[in-house]
Amino acid sequence: MEYDFYWISGSPNAWRAMLTLEHKGIYYHSHRLDPGKQEQKSPAFLELNPLGKVPVLKHGDVVVAESIAIMAYLERVHPQPPLFGVTAAETGLIWQRIFEFVNSLRDVIDDGVVRPLSQGIMLHDTDALKMAANTLYASLDRMETTLGTFNYLAGNKVSAADFTVLPNLLMLMRVGSRSDALALKLKFNEIRSNYSAIDSWLARLETLPAFDAAYPPHWRLS
């Protein structure tokens, strides 16, 4: 059975699932949706995911519509190379890192910083934006400590934890380089220069063939 993968360029959720597909060398039919045309809200797509969100993976009669669930599904069908660990200890740490990010950091990045900056509403509540930035820097400090000991977020092998966090962090850095963000001196554009271990981690991930294959195509044009 072949895979059909539905995604939007630049969506962190779709990005992490695509990283998994590419890293495992899985052939799939790519269906890039245009959000400008609201293709993710079309009747055909809503039959796959009534929430109208990407990513969606279709594999025969199986449809999976959450990014980390897609990653776990692919791991079960294609266990090599492993992204969710081999030993119980590895698996537990990888899931711990994933849930630490999902429960404590993802919404701060998306709702606290990226959306306010992207939608131009940050000037309505710059205090909240700066508070979110302080929370992010505390998390980056902890990440820096982890990556000062290990090559990756859950040890010395790339894992689903890295693919989960990477797209959101790159989105944060991209939005943080906007002129309005620079005017607020949030310094998200300086993450790589201020955090040497995080910079080295990003450099390691950038050497993976999957990184280049899954990189948002519209980012290459801007």
Protein backbone atom coordinates (compact mmCIF):
# COMPACT_ATOMS: atom_id res chain seq x y z
CA MET A 1 0.00 0.00 0.00
CA GLU A 2 1.27 3.44 -0.90
CA TYR A 3 1.20 6.55 1.26
CA ASP A 4 -0.55 9.82 0.52
CA PHE A 5 0.71 12.76 2.57
CA TYR A 6 -1.18 16.06 2.77
CA TRP A 7 0.72 19.09 3.98
CA ILE A 8 1.17 22.86 3.89
CA SER A 9 4.59 24.42 3.36
CA GLY A 10 5.90 25.89 6.61
CA SER A 11 3.44 24.11 8.88
CA PRO A 12 5.59 22.85 11.79
CA ASN A 13 3.24 19.92 12.34
CA ALA A 14 3.42 18.80 8.72
CA TRP A 15 7.14 19.45 8.69
CA ARG A 16 7.93 17.05 11.52
CA ALA A 17 5.88 14.29 9.89
CA MET A 18 7.63 14.88 6.58
CA LEU A 19 11.02 14.74 8.31
CA THR A 20 10.03 11.29 9.54
CA LEU A 21 8.96 10.11 6.09
CA GLU A 22 12.17 11.36 4.53
CA HIS A 23 14.49 10.13 7.28
CA LYS A 24 13.05 6.63 7.00
CA GLY A 25 13.26 6.72 3.21
CA ILE A 26 9.55 6.06 2.75
CA TYR A 27 8.09 6.72 -0.69
CA TYR A 28 4.91 8.79 -0.59
CA HIS A 29 2.61 10.75 -2.84
CA SER A 30 2.95 14.41 -1.89
CA HIS A 31 -0.18 16.57 -1.76
CA ARG A 32 0.83 20.13 -0.98
CA LEU A 33 -2.23 22.18 -0.08
CA ASP A 34 -2.54 25.92 -0.72
CA PRO A 35 -3.86 27.69 2.40
CA GLY A 36 -4.45 30.82 0.35
CA LYS A 37 -7.11 28.88 -1.53
CA GLN A 38 -8.33 27.20 1.68
CA GLU A 39 -7.66 23.80 0.15
CA GLN A 40 -7.45 22.33 3.64
CA LYS A 41 -11.13 23.21 4.04
CA SER A 42 -12.28 21.60 0.80
CA PRO A 43 -14.97 18.90 1.03
CA ALA A 44 -12.53 16.26 -0.22
CA PHE A 45 -9.96 17.08 2.44
CA LEU A 46 -12.55 17.39 5.21
CA GLU A 47 -13.53 13.81 4.48
CA LEU A 48 -9.99 12.87 5.52
CA ASN A 49 -9.78 15.24 8.48
CA PRO A 50 -12.98 16.99 9.60
CA LEU A 51 -10.84 19.46 11.57
CA GLY A 52 -9.45 20.81 8.31
CA LYS A 53 -5.84 20.72 9.49
CA VAL A 54 -2.59 19.26 8.21
CA PRO A 55 -0.83 16.94 8.19
CA VAL A 56 -2.80 13.93 7.13
CA LEU A 57 -1.32 10.56 6.20
CA LYS A 58 -3.39 8.04 4.25
CA HIS A 59 -2.14 4.47 4.02
CA GLY A 60 -4.67 2.19 2.42
CA ASP A 61 -7.79 2.44 4.57
CA VAL A 62 -5.87 3.99 7.47
CA VAL A 63 -5.99 7.76 7.93
CA VAL A 64 -3.90 9.44 10.63
CA ALA A 65 -4.34 13.17 11.18
CA GLU A 66 -2.04 14.23 14.03
CA SER A 67 1.65 14.82 13.39
CA ILE A 68 3.16 12.89 16.29
CA ALA A 69 0.64 10.10 15.80
CA ILE A 70 1.79 9.94 12.17
CA MET A 71 5.38 9.68 13.36
CA ALA A 72 4.49 6.85 15.74
CA TYR A 73 2.48 5.07 13.04
CA LEU A 74 5.38 5.22 10.60
CA GLU A 75 7.74 3.94 13.29
CA ARG A 76 5.55 0.88 13.81
CA VAL A 77 5.31 0.11 10.10
CA HIS A 78 8.92 1.05 9.31
CA PRO A 79 10.97 0.51 12.48
CA GLN A 80 14.32 1.29 10.81
CA PRO A 81 16.00 3.60 11.39
CA PRO A 82 14.41 3.90 14.84
CA LEU A 83 13.19 7.31 15.96
CA PHE A 84 11.40 6.27 19.15
CA GLY A 85 14.24 4.34 20.74
CA VAL A 86 15.29 0.72 20.98
CA THR A 87 15.43 0.15 24.73
CA ALA A 88 12.69 0.98 27.21
CA ALA A 89 14.88 3.71 28.71
CA GLU A 90 15.43 5.33 25.29
CA THR A 91 11.74 5.20 24.42
CA GLY A 92 10.74 6.68 27.75
CA LEU A 93 13.18 9.58 27.45
CA ILE A 94 12.14 10.35 23.87
CA TRP A 95 8.45 10.49 24.82
CA GLN A 96 9.34 12.55 27.88
CA ARG A 97 11.10 15.11 25.72
CA ILE A 98 8.21 15.17 23.25
CA PHE A 99 5.61 15.79 25.94
CA GLU A 100 7.79 18.35 27.71
CA PHE A 101 7.75 20.31 24.48
CA VAL A 102 4.09 19.75 23.62
CA ASN A 103 2.78 20.49 27.12
CA SER A 104 5.09 23.29 28.17
CA LEU A 105 6.61 25.05 25.21
CA ARG A 106 4.77 24.60 21.92
CA ASP A 107 1.86 26.91 22.77
CA VAL A 108 4.24 29.55 24.13
CA ILE A 109 6.03 29.58 20.78
CA ASP A 110 2.92 29.40 18.60
CA ASP A 111 0.37 31.44 20.55
CA GLY A 112 2.71 33.59 22.60
CA VAL A 113 5.14 34.71 19.92
CA VAL A 114 4.72 33.38 16.37
CA ARG A 115 1.04 34.20 15.83
CA PRO A 116 1.15 37.66 17.45
CA LEU A 117 4.15 38.60 15.31
CA SER A 118 2.86 36.98 12.12
CA GLN A 119 -0.59 38.52 12.45
CA GLY A 120 0.71 41.96 13.38
CA ILE A 121 -1.20 42.09 16.67
CA MET A 122 1.83 42.26 18.94
CA LEU A 123 1.55 45.99 19.54
CA HIS A 124 -1.73 45.42 21.36
CA ASP A 125 0.02 43.56 24.17
CA THR A 126 3.78 43.81 24.05
CA ASP A 127 4.02 42.92 27.74
CA ALA A 128 2.46 39.51 27.08
CA LEU A 129 4.81 39.02 24.15
CA LYS A 130 7.85 39.82 26.25
CA MET A 131 6.59 37.51 29.02
CA ALA A 132 6.31 34.70 26.50
CA ALA A 133 9.83 35.52 25.33
CA ASN A 134 11.15 35.20 28.88
CA THR A 135 9.49 31.77 29.20
CA LEU A 136 11.06 30.71 25.93
CA TYR A 137 14.52 31.80 26.99
CA ALA A 138 14.23 29.82 30.22
CA SER A 139 13.39 26.75 28.11
CA LEU A 140 16.24 27.47 25.72
CA ASP A 141 18.59 27.65 28.70
CA ARG A 142 17.51 24.14 29.71
CA MET A 143 17.83 22.90 26.14
CA GLU A 144 21.33 24.35 25.96
CA THR A 145 22.29 22.44 29.10
CA THR A 146 20.93 19.18 27.67
CA LEU A 147 22.69 19.67 24.35
CA GLY A 148 25.89 20.52 26.15
CA THR A 149 25.92 16.90 27.33
CA PHE A 150 24.26 15.04 24.46
CA ASN A 151 24.29 15.47 20.69
CA TYR A 152 20.51 15.35 20.48
CA LEU A 153 17.57 16.10 22.75
CA ALA A 154 17.13 12.52 23.96
CA GLY A 155 20.67 11.21 23.81
CA ASN A 156 23.37 10.80 21.19
CA LYS A 157 21.12 9.60 18.36
CA VAL A 158 18.62 11.63 16.39
CA SER A 159 15.07 10.84 17.48
CA ALA A 160 11.45 11.84 17.18
CA ALA A 161 12.08 14.39 19.92
CA ASP A 162 14.43 16.33 17.66
CA PHE A 163 12.02 16.22 14.73
CA THR A 164 9.20 17.37 17.02
CA VAL A 165 11.01 20.46 18.30
CA LEU A 166 13.04 21.50 15.25
CA PRO A 167 10.28 22.97 13.03
CA ASN A 168 8.81 25.16 15.77
CA LEU A 169 12.22 26.46 16.77
CA LEU A 170 13.11 27.33 13.18
CA MET A 171 9.74 29.04 12.80
CA LEU A 172 10.47 31.06 15.94
CA MET A 173 13.84 32.13 14.58
CA ARG A 174 12.35 33.03 11.21
CA VAL A 175 9.58 35.17 12.66
CA GLY A 176 12.03 36.62 15.18
CA SER A 177 14.06 38.04 12.31
CA ARG A 178 11.20 40.27 11.16
CA SER A 179 11.78 43.99 11.50
CA ASP A 180 8.99 44.42 14.06
CA ALA A 181 10.45 41.66 16.22
CA LEU A 182 13.89 43.21 15.91
CA ALA A 183 12.46 46.56 17.02
CA LEU A 184 11.23 44.93 20.23
CA LYS A 185 14.70 43.48 20.83
CA LEU A 186 13.33 39.97 21.41
CA LYS A 187 16.63 38.56 20.08
CA PHE A 188 15.13 35.39 18.64
CA ASN A 189 17.27 36.09 15.59
CA GLU A 190 20.32 35.64 17.85
CA ILE A 191 19.50 32.18 19.21
CA ARG A 192 22.23 30.46 17.25
CA SER A 193 24.88 32.99 18.20
CA ASN A 194 23.85 33.06 21.87
CA TYR A 195 23.46 29.29 22.37
CA SER A 196 26.46 27.39 21.08
CA ALA A 197 25.14 23.90 21.91
CA ILE A 198 21.80 24.61 20.22
CA ASP A 199 23.68 25.97 17.21
CA SER A 200 25.74 22.76 17.02
CA TRP A 201 22.56 20.66 17.34
CA LEU A 202 20.95 22.57 14.49
CA ALA A 203 24.08 22.15 12.39
CA ARG A 204 23.98 18.37 12.93
CA LEU A 205 20.34 18.21 11.91
CA GLU A 206 21.01 20.35 8.84
CA THR A 207 23.41 17.70 7.53
CA LEU A 208 20.66 15.07 7.42
CA PRO A 209 19.30 14.41 3.90
CA ALA A 210 15.82 14.58 5.40
CA PHE A 211 16.38 18.17 6.49
CA ASP A 212 16.91 19.41 2.96
CA ALA A 213 14.13 17.22 1.54
CA ALA A 214 11.55 18.44 4.05
CA TYR A 215 12.58 22.12 4.18
CA PRO A 216 9.58 24.38 3.40
CA PRO A 217 9.81 25.15 -0.30
CA HIS A 218 8.36 28.64 0.00
CA TRP A 219 11.04 29.56 2.55
CA ARG A 220 13.66 29.04 -0.15
CA LEU A 221 12.03 31.81 -2.16
CA SER A 222 12.00 34.43 0.59
